[in-house]
Amino acid sequence: SEVAPLIENIRAAGVTALRAIADELNRRSVKTQRGGSW
């Protein structure tokens, strides 16, 4: 629920591929629930 708004924000900017979304989250230094990379 917390990370969903970030993903939606990225998708709204035109980034829709799962791999591309993961790359953008990593670029923003957002960690997964276990503290790893997306």
PDB file of all heavy atoms in Angstrom:
ATOM      1  N   SER A   1       0.825  -1.212   0.000  1.00  0.00           N
ATOM      2  CA  SER A   1       0.000   0.000   0.000  1.00  0.00           C
ATOM      3  C   SER A   1       0.858   1.261   0.000  1.00  0.00           C
ATOM      4  O   SER A   1       0.499   2.270  -0.611  1.00  0.00           O
ATOM      5  CB  SER A   1      -0.927   0.011   1.220  1.00  0.00           C
ATOM      6  OG  SER A   1      -1.835  -1.075   1.165  1.00  0.00           O
ATOM      7  N   GLU A   2       2.001   1.203   0.676  1.00  0.00           N
ATOM      8  CA  GLU A   2       2.870   2.368   0.758  1.00  0.00           C
ATOM      9  C   GLU A   2       3.624   2.617  -0.542  1.00  0.00           C
ATOM     10  O   GLU A   2       3.795   3.759  -0.963  1.00  0.00           O
ATOM     11  CB  GLU A   2       3.876   2.191   1.904  1.00  0.00           C
ATOM     12  CG  GLU A   2       3.269   2.201   3.286  1.00  0.00           C
ATOM     13  CD  GLU A   2       2.717   3.566   3.667  1.00  0.00           C
ATOM     14  OE1 GLU A   2       2.974   4.536   2.939  1.00  0.00           O
ATOM     15  OE2 GLU A   2       2.018   3.651   4.693  1.00  0.00           O
ATOM     16  N   VAL A   3       4.102   1.535  -1.166  1.00  0.00           N
ATOM     17  CA  VAL A   3       4.926   1.713  -2.362  1.00  0.00           C
ATOM     18  C   VAL A   3       4.084   1.861  -3.626  1.00  0.00           C
ATOM     19  O   VAL A   3       4.567   2.367  -4.646  1.00  0.00           O
ATOM     20  CB  VAL A   3       5.913   0.528  -2.504  1.00  0.00           C
ATOM     21  CG1 VAL A   3       5.221  -0.710  -3.088  1.00  0.00           C
ATOM     22  CG2 VAL A   3       7.116   0.916  -3.354  1.00  0.00           C
ATOM     23  N   ALA A   4       2.819   1.466  -3.568  1.00  0.00           N
ATOM     24  CA  ALA A   4       1.945   1.548  -4.741  1.00  0.00           C
ATOM     25  C   ALA A   4       1.851   2.961  -5.315  1.00  0.00           C
ATOM     26  O   ALA A   4       1.916   3.134  -6.537  1.00  0.00           O
ATOM     27  CB  ALA A   4       0.552   1.005  -4.412  1.00  0.00           C
ATOM     28  N   PRO A   5       1.697   4.017  -4.463  1.00  0.00           N
ATOM     29  CA  PRO A   5       1.634   5.367  -5.041  1.00  0.00           C
ATOM     30  C   PRO A   5       2.890   5.746  -5.817  1.00  0.00           C
ATOM     31  O   PRO A   5       2.814   6.465  -6.817  1.00  0.00           O
ATOM     32  CB  PRO A   5       1.457   6.258  -3.799  1.00  0.00           C
ATOM     33  CG  PRO A   5       0.813   5.366  -2.797  1.00  0.00           C
ATOM     34  CD  PRO A   5       1.426   4.025  -3.023  1.00  0.00           C
ATOM     35  N   LEU A   6       4.052   5.248  -5.369  1.00  0.00           N
ATOM     36  CA  LEU A   6       5.292   5.531  -6.091  1.00  0.00           C
ATOM     37  C   LEU A   6       5.277   4.871  -7.465  1.00  0.00           C
ATOM     38  O   LEU A   6       5.673   5.469  -8.468  1.00  0.00           O
ATOM     39  CB  LEU A   6       6.489   5.036  -5.287  1.00  0.00           C
ATOM     40  CG  LEU A   6       6.765   5.733  -3.953  1.00  0.00           C
ATOM     41  CD1 LEU A   6       7.955   5.089  -3.268  1.00  0.00           C
ATOM     42  CD2 LEU A   6       6.997   7.213  -4.155  1.00  0.00           C
ATOM     43  N   ILE A   7       4.814   3.626  -7.498  1.00  0.00           N
ATOM     44  CA  ILE A   7       4.747   2.901  -8.763  1.00  0.00           C
ATOM     45  C   ILE A   7       3.755   3.567  -9.706  1.00  0.00           C
ATOM     46  O   ILE A   7       4.015   3.721 -10.907  1.00  0.00           O
ATOM     47  CB  ILE A   7       4.361   1.422  -8.514  1.00  0.00           C
ATOM     48  CG1 ILE A   7       5.483   0.715  -7.738  1.00  0.00           C
ATOM     49  CG2 ILE A   7       4.083   0.701  -9.833  1.00  0.00           C
ATOM     50  CD1 ILE A   7       5.179  -0.730  -7.401  1.00  0.00           C
ATOM     51  N   GLU A   8       2.606   3.986  -9.162  1.00  0.00           N
ATOM     52  CA  GLU A   8       1.611   4.659 -10.001  1.00  0.00           C
ATOM     53  C   GLU A   8       2.145   5.975 -10.538  1.00  0.00           C
ATOM     54  O   GLU A   8       1.854   6.360 -11.678  1.00  0.00           O
ATOM     55  CB  GLU A   8       0.327   4.897  -9.198  1.00  0.00           C
ATOM     56  CG  GLU A   8      -0.449   3.623  -8.901  1.00  0.00           C
ATOM     57  CD  GLU A   8      -0.766   2.837 -10.177  1.00  0.00           C
ATOM     58  OE1 GLU A   8      -1.195   3.466 -11.163  1.00  0.00           O
ATOM     59  OE2 GLU A   8      -0.563   1.615 -10.181  1.00  0.00           O
ATOM     60  N   ASN A   9       2.932   6.670  -9.739  1.00  0.00           N
ATOM     61  CA  ASN A   9       3.541   7.918 -10.178  1.00  0.00           C
ATOM     62  C   ASN A   9       4.500   7.676 -11.336  1.00  0.00           C
ATOM     63  O   ASN A   9       4.539   8.435 -12.297  1.00  0.00           O
ATOM     64  CB  ASN A   9       4.285   8.566  -9.001  1.00  0.00           C
ATOM     65  CG  ASN A   9       4.968   9.858  -9.397  1.00  0.00           C
ATOM     66  OD1 ASN A   9       6.156   9.848  -9.734  1.00  0.00           O
ATOM     67  ND2 ASN A   9       4.254  10.958  -9.345  1.00  0.00           N
ATOM     68  N   ILE A  10       5.254   6.592 -11.242  1.00  0.00           N
ATOM     69  CA  ILE A  10       6.189   6.236 -12.311  1.00  0.00           C
ATOM     70  C   ILE A  10       5.432   5.853 -13.580  1.00  0.00           C
ATOM     71  O   ILE A  10       5.788   6.269 -14.690  1.00  0.00           O
ATOM     72  CB  ILE A  10       7.099   5.079 -11.850  1.00  0.00           C
ATOM     73  CG1 ILE A  10       8.027   5.554 -10.725  1.00  0.00           C
ATOM     74  CG2 ILE A  10       7.924   4.527 -13.018  1.00  0.00           C
ATOM     75  CD1 ILE A  10       8.811   4.444 -10.059  1.00  0.00           C
ATOM     76  N   ARG A  11       4.351   5.082 -13.422  1.00  0.00           N
ATOM     77  CA  ARG A  11       3.549   4.667 -14.577  1.00  0.00           C
ATOM     78  C   ARG A  11       2.872   5.865 -15.236  1.00  0.00           C
ATOM     79  O   ARG A  11       2.754   5.932 -16.465  1.00  0.00           O
ATOM     80  CB  ARG A  11       2.512   3.629 -14.147  1.00  0.00           C
ATOM     81  CG  ARG A  11       3.136   2.321 -13.672  1.00  0.00           C
ATOM     82  CD  ARG A  11       2.125   1.401 -13.037  1.00  0.00           C
ATOM     83  NE  ARG A  11       1.283   0.732 -13.998  1.00  0.00           N
ATOM     84  CZ  ARG A  11       0.347  -0.160 -13.681  1.00  0.00           C
ATOM     85  NH1 ARG A  11       0.146  -0.460 -12.416  1.00  0.00           N
ATOM     86  NH2 ARG A  11      -0.377  -0.732 -14.601  1.00  0.00           N
ATOM     87  N   ALA A  12       2.446   6.817 -14.413  1.00  0.00           N
ATOM     88  CA  ALA A  12       1.798   8.009 -14.956  1.00  0.00           C
ATOM     89  C   ALA A  12       2.757   8.830 -15.809  1.00  0.00           C
ATOM     90  O   ALA A  12       2.337   9.578 -16.702  1.00  0.00           O
ATOM     91  CB  ALA A  12       1.257   8.866 -13.813  1.00  0.00           C
ATOM     92  N   ALA A  13       4.056   8.678 -15.547  1.00  0.00           N
ATOM     93  CA  ALA A  13       5.069   9.398 -16.320  1.00  0.00           C
ATOM     94  C   ALA A  13       5.400   8.688 -17.632  1.00  0.00           C
ATOM     95  O   ALA A  13       6.253   9.148 -18.393  1.00  0.00           O
ATOM     96  CB  ALA A  13       6.333   9.578 -15.494  1.00  0.00           C
ATOM     97  N   GLY A  14       4.709   7.569 -17.885  1.00  0.00           N
ATOM     98  CA  GLY A  14       4.915   6.858 -19.146  1.00  0.00           C
ATOM     99  C   GLY A  14       5.783   5.622 -19.058  1.00  0.00           C
ATOM    100  O   GLY A  14       6.023   4.942 -20.053  1.00  0.00           O
ATOM    101  N   VAL A  15       6.263   5.306 -17.855  1.00  0.00           N
ATOM    102  CA  VAL A  15       7.093   4.115 -17.663  1.00  0.00           C
ATOM    103  C   VAL A  15       6.173   2.980 -17.218  1.00  0.00           C
ATOM    104  O   VAL A  15       5.701   2.965 -16.083  1.00  0.00           O
ATOM    105  CB  VAL A  15       8.189   4.367 -16.612  1.00  0.00           C
ATOM    106  CG1 VAL A  15       9.047   3.118 -16.430  1.00  0.00           C
ATOM    107  CG2 VAL A  15       9.047   5.555 -17.007  1.00  0.00           C
ATOM    108  N   THR A  16       5.923   2.031 -18.100  1.00  0.00           N
ATOM    109  CA  THR A  16       4.921   0.999 -17.798  1.00  0.00           C
ATOM    110  C   THR A  16       5.482  -0.414 -17.740  1.00  0.00           C
ATOM    111  O   THR A  16       4.878  -1.291 -17.125  1.00  0.00           O
ATOM    112  CB  THR A  16       3.797   1.030 -18.849  1.00  0.00           C
ATOM    113  OG1 THR A  16       4.367   0.858 -20.153  1.00  0.00           O
ATOM    114  CG2 THR A  16       3.053   2.367 -18.805  1.00  0.00           C
ATOM    115  N   ALA A  17       6.625  -0.663 -18.381  1.00  0.00           N
ATOM    116  CA  ALA A  17       7.210  -2.004 -18.353  1.00  0.00           C
ATOM    117  C   ALA A  17       7.708  -2.325 -16.949  1.00  0.00           C
ATOM    118  O   ALA A  17       8.281  -1.471 -16.267  1.00  0.00           O
ATOM    119  CB  ALA A  17       8.356  -2.110 -19.359  1.00  0.00           C
ATOM    120  N   LEU A  18       7.488  -3.554 -16.498  1.00  0.00           N
ATOM    121  CA  LEU A  18       7.880  -3.943 -15.145  1.00  0.00           C
ATOM    122  C   LEU A  18       9.369  -3.731 -14.896  1.00  0.00           C
ATOM    123  O   LEU A  18       9.779  -3.234 -13.847  1.00  0.00           O
ATOM    124  CB  LEU A  18       7.507  -5.412 -14.893  1.00  0.00           C
ATOM    125  CG  LEU A  18       6.010  -5.743 -14.889  1.00  0.00           C
ATOM    126  CD1 LEU A  18       5.804  -7.237 -14.714  1.00  0.00           C
ATOM    127  CD2 LEU A  18       5.290  -4.971 -13.787  1.00  0.00           C
ATOM    128  N   ARG A  19      10.182  -4.106 -15.869  1.00  0.00           N
ATOM    129  CA  ARG A  19      11.628  -3.950 -15.729  1.00  0.00           C
ATOM    130  C   ARG A  19      12.002  -2.472 -15.617  1.00  0.00           C
ATOM    131  O   ARG A  19      12.836  -2.080 -14.799  1.00  0.00           O
ATOM    132  CB  ARG A  19      12.329  -4.577 -16.936  1.00  0.00           C
ATOM    133  CG  ARG A  19      13.844  -4.394 -17.015  1.00  0.00           C
ATOM    134  CD  ARG A  19      14.568  -5.169 -15.953  1.00  0.00           C
ATOM    135  NE  ARG A  19      14.903  -4.358 -14.798  1.00  0.00           N
ATOM    136  CZ  ARG A  19      15.524  -4.787 -13.726  1.00  0.00           C
ATOM    137  NH1 ARG A  19      15.839  -6.053 -13.625  1.00  0.00           N
ATOM    138  NH2 ARG A  19      15.815  -3.984 -12.738  1.00  0.00           N
ATOM    139  N   ALA A  20      11.369  -1.639 -16.413  1.00  0.00           N
ATOM    140  CA  ALA A  20      11.650  -0.206 -16.391  1.00  0.00           C
ATOM    141  C   ALA A  20      11.204   0.423 -15.073  1.00  0.00           C
ATOM    142  O   ALA A  20      11.876   1.309 -14.529  1.00  0.00           O
ATOM    143  CB  ALA A  20      10.973   0.480 -17.563  1.00  0.00           C
ATOM    144  N   ILE A  21      10.057  -0.039 -14.550  1.00  0.00           N
ATOM    145  CA  ILE A  21       9.582   0.469 -13.257  1.00  0.00           C
ATOM    146  C   ILE A  21      10.577   0.089 -12.161  1.00  0.00           C
ATOM    147  O   ILE A  21      10.913   0.902 -11.285  1.00  0.00           O
ATOM    148  CB  ILE A  21       8.187  -0.090 -12.935  1.00  0.00           C
ATOM    149  CG1 ILE A  21       7.154   0.456 -13.921  1.00  0.00           C
ATOM    150  CG2 ILE A  21       7.785   0.254 -11.499  1.00  0.00           C
ATOM    151  CD1 ILE A  21       5.779  -0.167 -13.779  1.00  0.00           C
ATOM    152  N   ALA A  22      11.060  -1.153 -12.210  1.00  0.00           N
ATOM    153  CA  ALA A  22      12.043  -1.610 -11.228  1.00  0.00           C
ATOM    154  C   ALA A  22      13.310  -0.759 -11.295  1.00  0.00           C
ATOM    155  O   ALA A  22      13.862  -0.357 -10.264  1.00  0.00           O
ATOM    156  CB  ALA A  22      12.382  -3.080 -11.469  1.00  0.00           C
ATOM    157  N   ASP A  23      13.765  -0.471 -12.506  1.00  0.00           N
ATOM    158  CA  ASP A  23      14.972   0.353 -12.676  1.00  0.00           C
ATOM    159  C   ASP A  23      14.772   1.744 -12.076  1.00  0.00           C
ATOM    160  O   ASP A  23      15.685   2.301 -11.459  1.00  0.00           O
ATOM    161  CB  ASP A  23      15.330   0.471 -14.159  1.00  0.00           C
ATOM    162  CG  ASP A  23      15.845  -0.836 -14.741  1.00  0.00           C
ATOM    163  OD1 ASP A  23      16.254  -1.712 -13.955  1.00  0.00           O
ATOM    164  OD2 ASP A  23      15.833  -0.975 -15.980  1.00  0.00           O
ATOM    165  N   GLU A  24      13.575   2.307 -12.268  1.00  0.00           N
ATOM    166  CA  GLU A  24      13.301   3.646 -11.751  1.00  0.00           C
ATOM    167  C   GLU A  24      13.244   3.642 -10.223  1.00  0.00           C
ATOM    168  O   GLU A  24      13.738   4.569  -9.572  1.00  0.00           O
ATOM    169  CB  GLU A  24      11.986   4.174 -12.326  1.00  0.00           C
ATOM    170  CG  GLU A  24      11.593   5.562 -11.849  1.00  0.00           C
ATOM    171  CD  GLU A  24      12.589   6.642 -12.202  1.00  0.00           C
ATOM    172  OE1 GLU A  24      13.424   6.417 -13.117  1.00  0.00           O
ATOM    173  OE2 GLU A  24      12.558   7.714 -11.568  1.00  0.00           O
ATOM    174  N   LEU A  25      12.649   2.613  -9.635  1.00  0.00           N
ATOM    175  CA  LEU A  25      12.616   2.504  -8.177  1.00  0.00           C
ATOM    176  C   LEU A  25      14.033   2.397  -7.615  1.00  0.00           C
ATOM    177  O   LEU A  25      14.360   3.021  -6.596  1.00  0.00           O
ATOM    178  CB  LEU A  25      11.782   1.293  -7.754  1.00  0.00           C
ATOM    179  CG  LEU A  25      10.268   1.416  -7.941  1.00  0.00           C
ATOM    180  CD1 LEU A  25       9.594   0.066  -7.738  1.00  0.00           C
ATOM    181  CD2 LEU A  25       9.685   2.447  -6.982  1.00  0.00           C
ATOM    182  N   ASN A  26      14.873   1.614  -8.289  1.00  0.00           N
ATOM    183  CA  ASN A  26      16.267   1.481  -7.857  1.00  0.00           C
ATOM    184  C   ASN A  26      17.005   2.811  -8.002  1.00  0.00           C
ATOM    185  O   ASN A  26      17.826   3.177  -7.158  1.00  0.00           O
ATOM    186  CB  ASN A  26      16.977   0.397  -8.668  1.00  0.00           C
ATOM    187  CG  ASN A  26      16.458  -0.997  -8.345  1.00  0.00           C
ATOM    188  OD1 ASN A  26      16.047  -1.267  -7.221  1.00  0.00           O
ATOM    189  ND2 ASN A  26      16.463  -1.873  -9.330  1.00  0.00           N
ATOM    190  N   ARG A  27      16.693   3.541  -9.073  1.00  0.00           N
ATOM    191  CA  ARG A  27      17.348   4.835  -9.296  1.00  0.00           C
ATOM    192  C   ARG A  27      16.986   5.817  -8.185  1.00  0.00           C
ATOM    193  O   ARG A  27      17.809   6.656  -7.788  1.00  0.00           O
ATOM    194  CB  ARG A  27      16.935   5.416 -10.650  1.00  0.00           C
ATOM    195  CG  ARG A  27      17.717   6.668 -11.063  1.00  0.00           C
ATOM    196  CD  ARG A  27      17.127   7.304 -12.305  1.00  0.00           C
ATOM    197  NE  ARG A  27      15.821   7.899 -12.058  1.00  0.00           N
ATOM    198  CZ  ARG A  27      15.654   9.085 -11.453  1.00  0.00           C
ATOM    199  NH1 ARG A  27      16.707   9.786 -11.050  1.00  0.00           N
ATOM    200  NH2 ARG A  27      14.454   9.581 -11.260  1.00  0.00           N
ATOM    201  N   ARG A  28      15.763   5.689  -7.672  1.00  0.00           N
ATOM    202  CA  ARG A  28      15.307   6.572  -6.595  1.00  0.00           C
ATOM    203  C   ARG A  28      15.749   6.091  -5.222  1.00  0.00           C
ATOM    204  O   ARG A  28      15.378   6.653  -4.199  1.00  0.00           O
ATOM    205  CB  ARG A  28      13.783   6.690  -6.615  1.00  0.00           C
ATOM    206  CG  ARG A  28      13.219   7.323  -7.876  1.00  0.00           C
ATOM    207  CD  ARG A  28      11.725   7.566  -7.729  1.00  0.00           C
ATOM    208  NE  ARG A  28      11.113   8.033  -8.964  1.00  0.00           N
ATOM    209  CZ  ARG A  28       9.855   8.451  -9.054  1.00  0.00           C
ATOM    210  NH1 ARG A  28       9.081   8.451  -7.984  1.00  0.00           N
ATOM    211  NH2 ARG A  28       9.362   8.855 -10.225  1.00  0.00           N
ATOM    212  N   SER A  29      16.516   5.016  -5.186  1.00  0.00           N
ATOM    213  CA  SER A  29      17.035   4.442  -3.937  1.00  0.00           C
ATOM    214  C   SER A  29      15.933   3.887  -3.044  1.00  0.00           C
ATOM    215  O   SER A  29      16.080   3.816  -1.820  1.00  0.00           O
ATOM    216  CB  SER A  29      17.851   5.485  -3.154  1.00  0.00           C
ATOM    217  OG  SER A  29      18.961   5.912  -3.900  1.00  0.00           O
ATOM    218  N   VAL A  30      14.811   3.494  -3.648  1.00  0.00           N
ATOM    219  CA  VAL A  30      13.731   2.848  -2.904  1.00  0.00           C
ATOM    220  C   VAL A  30      14.077   1.372  -2.746  1.00  0.00           C
ATOM    221  O   VAL A  30      14.438   0.709  -3.720  1.00  0.00           O
ATOM    222  CB  VAL A  30      12.384   2.992  -3.636  1.00  0.00           C
ATOM    223  CG1 VAL A  30      11.292   2.240  -2.901  1.00  0.00           C
ATOM    224  CG2 VAL A  30      12.019   4.456  -3.786  1.00  0.00           C
ATOM    225  N   LYS A  31      13.996   0.857  -1.537  1.00  0.00           N
ATOM    226  CA  LYS A  31      14.314  -0.536  -1.269  1.00  0.00           C
ATOM    227  C   LYS A  31      13.049  -1.395  -1.233  1.00  0.00           C
ATOM    228  O   LYS A  31      11.963  -0.898  -0.970  1.00  0.00           O
ATOM    229  CB  LYS A  31      15.057  -0.671   0.069  1.00  0.00           C
ATOM    230  CG  LYS A  31      16.388   0.076   0.114  1.00  0.00           C
ATOM    231  CD  LYS A  31      17.363  -0.459  -0.915  1.00  0.00           C
ATOM    232  CE  LYS A  31      18.705   0.237  -0.827  1.00  0.00           C
ATOM    233  NZ  LYS A  31      19.651  -0.252  -1.853  1.00  0.00           N
ATOM    234  N   THR A  32      13.216  -2.668  -1.503  1.00  0.00           N
ATOM    235  CA  THR A  32      12.102  -3.599  -1.373  1.00  0.00           C
ATOM    236  C   THR A  32      11.811  -3.817   0.105  1.00  0.00           C
ATOM    237  O   THR A  32      12.531  -3.311   0.976  1.00  0.00           O
ATOM    238  CB  THR A  32      12.430  -4.953  -2.028  1.00  0.00           C
ATOM    239  OG1 THR A  32      13.541  -5.548  -1.319  1.00  0.00           O
ATOM    240  CG2 THR A  32      12.812  -4.777  -3.490  1.00  0.00           C
ATOM    241  N   GLN A  33      10.793  -4.582   0.399  1.00  0.00           N
ATOM    242  CA  GLN A  33      10.431  -4.824   1.791  1.00  0.00           C
ATOM    243  C   GLN A  33      11.585  -5.447   2.572  1.00  0.00           C
ATOM    244  O   GLN A  33      11.767  -5.167   3.756  1.00  0.00           O
ATOM    245  CB  GLN A  33       9.204  -5.724   1.870  1.00  0.00           C
ATOM    246  CG  GLN A  33       8.694  -5.937   3.292  1.00  0.00           C
ATOM    247  CD  GLN A  33       7.493  -6.851   3.351  1.00  0.00           C
ATOM    248  OE1 GLN A  33       7.051  -7.373   2.339  1.00  0.00           O
ATOM    249  NE2 GLN A  33       6.942  -7.043   4.532  1.00  0.00           N
ATOM    250  N   ARG A  34      12.383  -6.275   1.921  1.00  0.00           N
ATOM    251  CA  ARG A  34      13.515  -6.921   2.578  1.00  0.00           C
ATOM    252  C   ARG A  34      14.812  -6.124   2.448  1.00  0.00           C
ATOM    253  O   ARG A  34      15.876  -6.611   2.807  1.00  0.00           O
ATOM    254  CB  ARG A  34      13.708  -8.328   2.012  1.00  0.00           C
ATOM    255  CG  ARG A  34      12.519  -9.256   2.298  1.00  0.00           C
ATOM    256  CD  ARG A  34      12.791 -10.652   1.798  1.00  0.00           C
ATOM    257  NE  ARG A  34      11.682 -11.547   2.101  1.00  0.00           N
ATOM    258  CZ  ARG A  34      11.651 -12.840   1.798  1.00  0.00           C
ATOM    259  NH1 ARG A  34      12.688 -13.387   1.173  1.00  0.00           N
ATOM    260  NH2 ARG A  34      10.614 -13.582   2.108  1.00  0.00           N
ATOM    261  N   GLY A  35      14.697  -4.913   1.920  1.00  0.00           N
ATOM    262  CA  GLY A  35      15.874  -4.064   1.835  1.00  0.00           C
ATOM    263  C   GLY A  35      16.752  -4.295   0.620  1.00  0.00           C
ATOM    264  O   GLY A  35      17.892  -3.823   0.582  1.00  0.00           O
ATOM    265  N   GLY A  36      16.242  -5.012  -0.380  1.00  0.00           N
ATOM    266  CA  GLY A  36      17.032  -5.307  -1.569  1.00  0.00           C
ATOM    267  C   GLY A  36      16.667  -4.433  -2.758  1.00  0.00           C
ATOM    268  O   GLY A  36      15.972  -3.423  -2.625  1.00  0.00           O
ATOM    269  N   SER A  37      17.168  -4.833  -3.932  1.00  0.00           N
ATOM    270  CA  SER A  37      16.896  -4.101  -5.165  1.00  0.00           C
ATOM    271  C   SER A  37      15.638  -4.648  -5.840  1.00  0.00           C
ATOM    272  O   SER A  37      15.234  -5.793  -5.607  1.00  0.00           O
ATOM    273  CB  SER A  37      18.089  -4.235  -6.128  1.00  0.00           C
ATOM    274  OG  SER A  37      19.253  -3.671  -5.554  1.00  0.00           O
ATOM    275  N   TRP A  38      15.046  -3.816  -6.677  1.00  0.00           N
ATOM    276  CA  TRP A  38      13.824  -4.194  -7.380  1.00  0.00           C
ATOM    277  C   TRP A  38      14.117  -4.920  -8.677  1.00  0.00           C
ATOM    278  O   TRP A  38      15.108  -4.642  -9.351  1.00  0.00           O
ATOM    279  CB  TRP A  38      12.994  -2.947  -7.681  1.00  0.00           C
ATOM    280  CG  TRP A  38      12.398  -2.325  -6.469  1.00  0.00           C
ATOM    281  CD1 TRP A  38      12.979  -1.396  -5.664  1.00  0.00           C
ATOM    282  CD2 TRP A  38      11.116  -2.599  -5.902  1.00  0.00           C
ATOM    283  NE1 TRP A  38      12.142  -1.071  -4.627  1.00  0.00           N
ATOM    284  CE2 TRP A  38      10.986  -1.773  -4.751  1.00  0.00           C
ATOM    285  CE3 TRP A  38      10.066  -3.433  -6.256  1.00  0.00           C
ATOM    286  CZ2 TRP A  38       9.847  -1.791  -3.957  1.00  0.00           C
ATOM    287  CZ3 TRP A  38       8.931  -3.444  -5.464  1.00  0.00           C
ATOM    288  CH2 TRP A  38       8.824  -2.640  -4.334  1.00  0.00           C
TER     289      TRP A  38
END
